[in-house]
Protein backbone atom coordinates (compact mmCIF):
# COMPACT_ATOMS: atom_id res chain seq x y z
CA MET A 1 0.00 0.00 0.00
CA ALA A 2 1.39 3.40 -0.95
CA HIS A 3 2.24 5.76 1.87
CA MET A 4 0.08 8.86 1.67
CA HIS A 5 0.96 12.18 3.22
CA LYS A 6 -1.97 13.88 4.86
CA ILE A 7 -3.11 17.48 4.79
CA ALA A 8 -4.19 19.40 7.90
CA VAL A 9 -5.95 22.71 8.35
CA ILE A 10 -5.60 24.57 11.67
CA GLY A 11 -7.74 27.58 12.52
CA ASP A 12 -10.86 28.90 14.15
CA GLU A 13 -13.92 26.65 13.87
CA GLY A 14 -15.84 28.96 11.54
CA SER A 15 -12.98 29.16 9.07
CA ILE A 16 -12.07 25.48 8.87
CA MET A 17 -15.35 23.56 8.98
CA GLY A 18 -15.79 23.75 5.21
CA PHE A 19 -12.55 21.86 4.64
CA ARG A 20 -13.86 18.68 6.30
CA ALA A 21 -15.89 17.97 3.17
CA LEU A 22 -12.62 17.68 1.24
CA GLY A 23 -11.38 14.89 3.48
CA VAL A 24 -8.77 17.19 4.98
CA ASP A 25 -8.08 16.80 8.71
CA THR A 26 -9.17 19.94 10.54
CA PHE A 27 -8.11 21.18 13.96
CA ALA A 28 -10.12 23.95 15.58
CA VAL A 29 -8.10 26.12 17.96
CA ALA A 30 -9.15 29.05 20.12
CA THR A 31 -5.87 30.33 21.61
CA ALA A 32 -2.31 30.90 20.44
CA HIS A 33 -1.08 28.25 22.90
CA GLU A 34 -3.55 25.71 21.50
CA ALA A 35 -2.56 26.63 17.94
CA ARG A 36 1.15 26.25 18.71
CA GLU A 37 0.66 22.83 20.35
CA THR A 38 -1.61 21.66 17.53
CA LEU A 39 0.88 22.73 14.86
CA ARG A 40 3.73 20.94 16.64
CA ALA A 41 1.65 17.76 17.03
CA ALA A 42 0.61 17.85 13.36
CA ALA A 43 4.23 18.39 12.30
CA ARG A 44 5.26 15.31 14.29
CA GLY A 45 2.47 13.35 12.63
CA GLN A 46 2.20 12.29 9.01
CA TYR A 47 1.17 15.66 7.64
CA ALA A 48 3.04 16.83 4.55
CA ILE A 49 1.07 20.07 4.25
CA ILE A 50 -0.34 22.06 7.15
CA TYR A 51 -2.50 25.09 6.41
CA VAL A 52 -2.99 27.68 9.14
CA THR A 53 -5.64 30.39 8.85
CA GLU A 54 -4.19 33.89 8.76
CA GLY A 55 -5.79 35.00 12.02
CA VAL A 56 -4.24 32.08 13.90
CA ALA A 57 -0.94 32.26 11.99
CA SER A 58 -0.39 35.88 13.04
CA ASP A 59 -0.37 34.75 16.69
CA ILE A 60 2.13 31.91 16.17
CA ILE A 61 4.36 33.19 13.37
CA ASP A 62 7.45 32.33 15.44
CA THR A 63 6.41 28.67 15.57
CA ILE A 64 5.50 28.60 11.87
CA THR A 65 8.92 29.91 10.89
CA GLU A 66 10.57 27.01 12.77
CA TYR A 67 9.33 24.75 9.96
CA GLY A 68 10.55 26.99 7.14
CA HIS A 69 13.95 25.30 6.85
CA LYS A 70 12.59 21.73 6.80
CA PRO A 71 11.37 20.00 3.64
CA LEU A 72 8.29 18.63 5.44
CA PRO A 73 5.84 19.61 6.62
CA VAL A 74 5.11 22.59 4.40
CA VAL A 75 3.26 25.15 6.53
CA LEU A 76 1.17 27.64 4.56
CA THR A 77 -1.31 30.31 5.52
CA ILE A 78 -4.78 30.66 4.05
CA PRO A 79 -7.43 33.36 4.51
CA ASP A 80 -9.74 32.88 7.48
CA SER A 81 -13.51 33.32 7.38
CA SER A 82 -13.13 37.08 7.32
CA GLY A 83 -11.25 36.69 4.02
CA LYS A 84 -12.33 34.99 0.80
CA LYS A 85 -13.01 31.26 1.21
CA GLY A 86 -12.72 30.69 -2.53
CA ALA A 87 -9.15 31.95 -2.44
CA ALA A 88 -8.29 29.54 0.37
CA MET A 89 -9.79 26.56 -1.45
CA GLU A 90 -7.98 27.50 -4.66
CA LYS A 91 -4.68 27.85 -2.82
CA ILE A 92 -5.09 24.38 -1.31
CA ARG A 93 -6.06 22.88 -4.66
CA ARG A 94 -3.04 24.41 -6.42
CA THR A 95 -0.64 23.30 -3.69
CA VAL A 96 -1.91 19.74 -3.71
CA GLU A 97 -1.83 19.63 -7.50
CA LYS A 98 1.75 20.88 -7.53
CA ALA A 99 2.83 18.43 -4.82
CA LEU A 100 1.19 15.38 -6.36
CA GLY A 101 1.14 16.29 -10.02
CA ALA A 102 -2.59 15.69 -10.27
CA ASP A 103 -5.79 17.41 -9.26
CA ILE A 104 -6.89 14.70 -6.81
CA LEU A 105 -9.08 16.81 -4.55
CA PHE A 106 -11.34 17.99 -7.30
CA GLY A 107 -11.39 14.86 -9.43
CA LYS A 108 -9.89 15.91 -12.73
CA GLU A 109 -7.67 12.82 -12.60
CA GLY A 110 -10.11 10.15 -11.49
CA ASN A 111 -11.73 9.74 -8.08
CA ALA A 112 -13.31 12.66 -6.35
């Protein structure tokens, strides 16, 4: 069985609930401490890509930058619910497509 890297989204509940429909693991956080611990736990797990909503990312930018020099996980920010959701979904789709060479989330290469 092929090893599959997972994708996580960390942010406030309102911003991340829509991502569950994509089969992405979501982690709702309410404080900077919770966000920091969740990011560290996800990075230790099997997550290749971890998205953090901008509102949460601004509180833990120091922790996010710790992962900048490592090949995995890739930690990226996406707009939160106060921003444009379409832009966040598109950013995730493009990143996954680039990483895997196929548009797996949205089914242009088979299963969706």
